[in-house]
Amino acid sequence: MKYQRNRNQSLTVRLTEQEKNLIQSKAQRKNMSVTDFIVLSVTEQSNAAVLKPLLAMLAVLKNKTEHLKERFDTAELCEIIDRQNDIISEVKRLINRG
């Protein structure tokens, strides 16, 4: 997270030594500060909570287009299905990113 933002708030938490070491180790492995690691971790979890229902809606849409393909097998419909698959793959990647 190498962008400029006004960090004028602080948060104190109590951790075990093991928890603290784990957080510091994971941040270091990602070449991040502990603050950036924690903020990114929380943001990613929030994104997953938003993206999972979207993925479910995309699955329903994919199912419907697959049924249409059985009835009307056109190049245009195949292109739509390919694009849907690309979107589904990207949403899955974003959910599983870490």
Protein backbone atom coordinates (compact mmCIF):
# COMPACT_ATOMS: atom_id res chain seq x y z
CA MET A 1 0.00 0.00 0.00
CA LYS A 2 2.47 2.58 -1.10
CA TYR A 3 0.07 5.46 -1.41
CA GLN A 4 -0.10 8.63 0.63
CA ARG A 5 -2.80 8.89 3.25
CA ASN A 6 -3.17 10.88 6.42
CA ARG A 7 -2.50 8.48 9.28
CA ASN A 8 -3.62 10.48 12.25
CA GLN A 9 -5.33 7.73 14.27
CA SER A 10 -3.90 4.88 16.30
CA LEU A 11 -5.22 1.61 17.63
CA THR A 12 -3.75 -0.39 20.49
CA VAL A 13 -4.40 -4.11 20.70
CA ARG A 14 -3.27 -6.80 23.12
CA LEU A 15 -1.70 -9.90 21.60
CA THR A 16 0.21 -12.92 22.72
CA GLU A 17 3.85 -12.97 21.72
CA GLN A 18 3.03 -15.74 19.24
CA GLU A 19 0.25 -13.67 17.62
CA LYS A 20 2.50 -10.62 17.39
CA ASN A 21 5.30 -12.67 15.82
CA LEU A 22 2.89 -14.23 13.35
CA ILE A 23 1.59 -10.83 12.20
CA GLN A 24 5.09 -9.40 11.91
CA SER A 25 6.31 -12.47 10.03
CA LYS A 26 3.44 -12.39 7.53
CA ALA A 27 3.89 -8.66 6.95
CA GLN A 28 7.61 -9.13 6.41
CA ARG A 29 7.03 -11.97 3.92
CA LYS A 30 4.86 -9.60 1.87
CA ASN A 31 7.40 -6.77 2.23
CA MET A 32 4.81 -4.66 4.05
CA SER A 33 4.64 -2.70 7.24
CA VAL A 34 2.54 -4.25 10.00
CA THR A 35 0.02 -1.42 9.61
CA ASP A 36 -0.32 -1.94 5.86
CA PHE A 37 -0.57 -5.71 6.33
CA ILE A 38 -3.39 -5.39 8.87
CA VAL A 39 -5.30 -2.81 6.81
CA LEU A 40 -4.95 -4.93 3.67
CA SER A 41 -6.05 -8.07 5.51
CA VAL A 42 -9.21 -6.38 6.75
CA THR A 43 -9.93 -4.90 3.33
CA GLU A 44 -9.50 -8.25 1.58
CA GLN A 45 -11.91 -9.91 3.98
CA SER A 46 -14.44 -7.17 3.32
CA ASN A 47 -14.02 -7.62 -0.42
CA ALA A 48 -14.58 -11.36 -0.11
CA ALA A 49 -17.82 -10.73 1.80
CA VAL A 50 -19.04 -8.56 -1.07
CA LEU A 51 -17.73 -10.77 -3.87
CA LYS A 52 -19.12 -14.13 -2.69
CA PRO A 53 -22.78 -13.14 -3.29
CA LEU A 54 -21.73 -11.70 -6.67
CA LEU A 55 -20.15 -15.03 -7.54
CA ALA A 56 -23.41 -16.80 -6.66
CA MET A 57 -25.36 -14.46 -8.95
CA LEU A 58 -22.86 -15.06 -11.75
CA ALA A 59 -23.28 -18.83 -11.32
CA VAL A 60 -27.06 -18.49 -11.79
CA LEU A 61 -26.53 -16.34 -14.87
CA LYS A 62 -24.02 -18.82 -16.27
CA ASN A 63 -26.48 -21.67 -15.78
CA LYS A 64 -29.17 -19.77 -17.68
CA THR A 65 -26.86 -18.90 -20.56
CA GLU A 66 -25.70 -22.53 -20.78
CA HIS A 67 -29.35 -23.55 -21.19
CA LEU A 68 -29.76 -20.94 -23.91
CA LYS A 69 -26.68 -22.29 -25.65
CA GLU A 70 -28.31 -25.74 -25.81
CA ARG A 71 -31.25 -24.19 -27.69
CA PHE A 72 -29.50 -21.46 -29.70
CA ASP A 73 -25.87 -22.37 -30.31
CA THR A 74 -24.51 -19.18 -31.88
CA ALA A 75 -21.04 -17.66 -31.94
CA GLU A 76 -22.36 -14.58 -30.13
CA LEU A 77 -23.79 -16.67 -27.28
CA CYS A 78 -20.52 -18.61 -27.02
CA GLU A 79 -18.69 -15.28 -26.73
CA ILE A 80 -21.02 -14.21 -23.90
CA ILE A 81 -20.37 -17.46 -22.06
CA ASP A 82 -16.61 -17.05 -22.51
CA ARG A 83 -16.80 -13.52 -21.06
CA GLN A 84 -18.87 -14.79 -18.13
CA ASN A 85 -16.26 -17.44 -17.43
CA ASP A 86 -13.55 -14.76 -17.46
CA ILE A 87 -15.52 -12.67 -14.97
CA ILE A 88 -16.17 -15.67 -12.72
CA SER A 89 -12.47 -16.57 -12.75
CA GLU A 90 -11.49 -13.02 -11.83
CA VAL A 91 -14.01 -12.85 -8.98
CA LYS A 92 -12.74 -16.19 -7.64
CA ARG A 93 -9.17 -14.89 -7.86
CA LEU A 94 -10.12 -11.78 -5.91
CA ILE A 95 -11.89 -13.82 -3.24
CA ASN A 96 -8.93 -16.18 -2.82
CA ARG A 97 -6.23 -13.52 -3.09
CA GLY A 98 -3.93 -13.49 -0.16
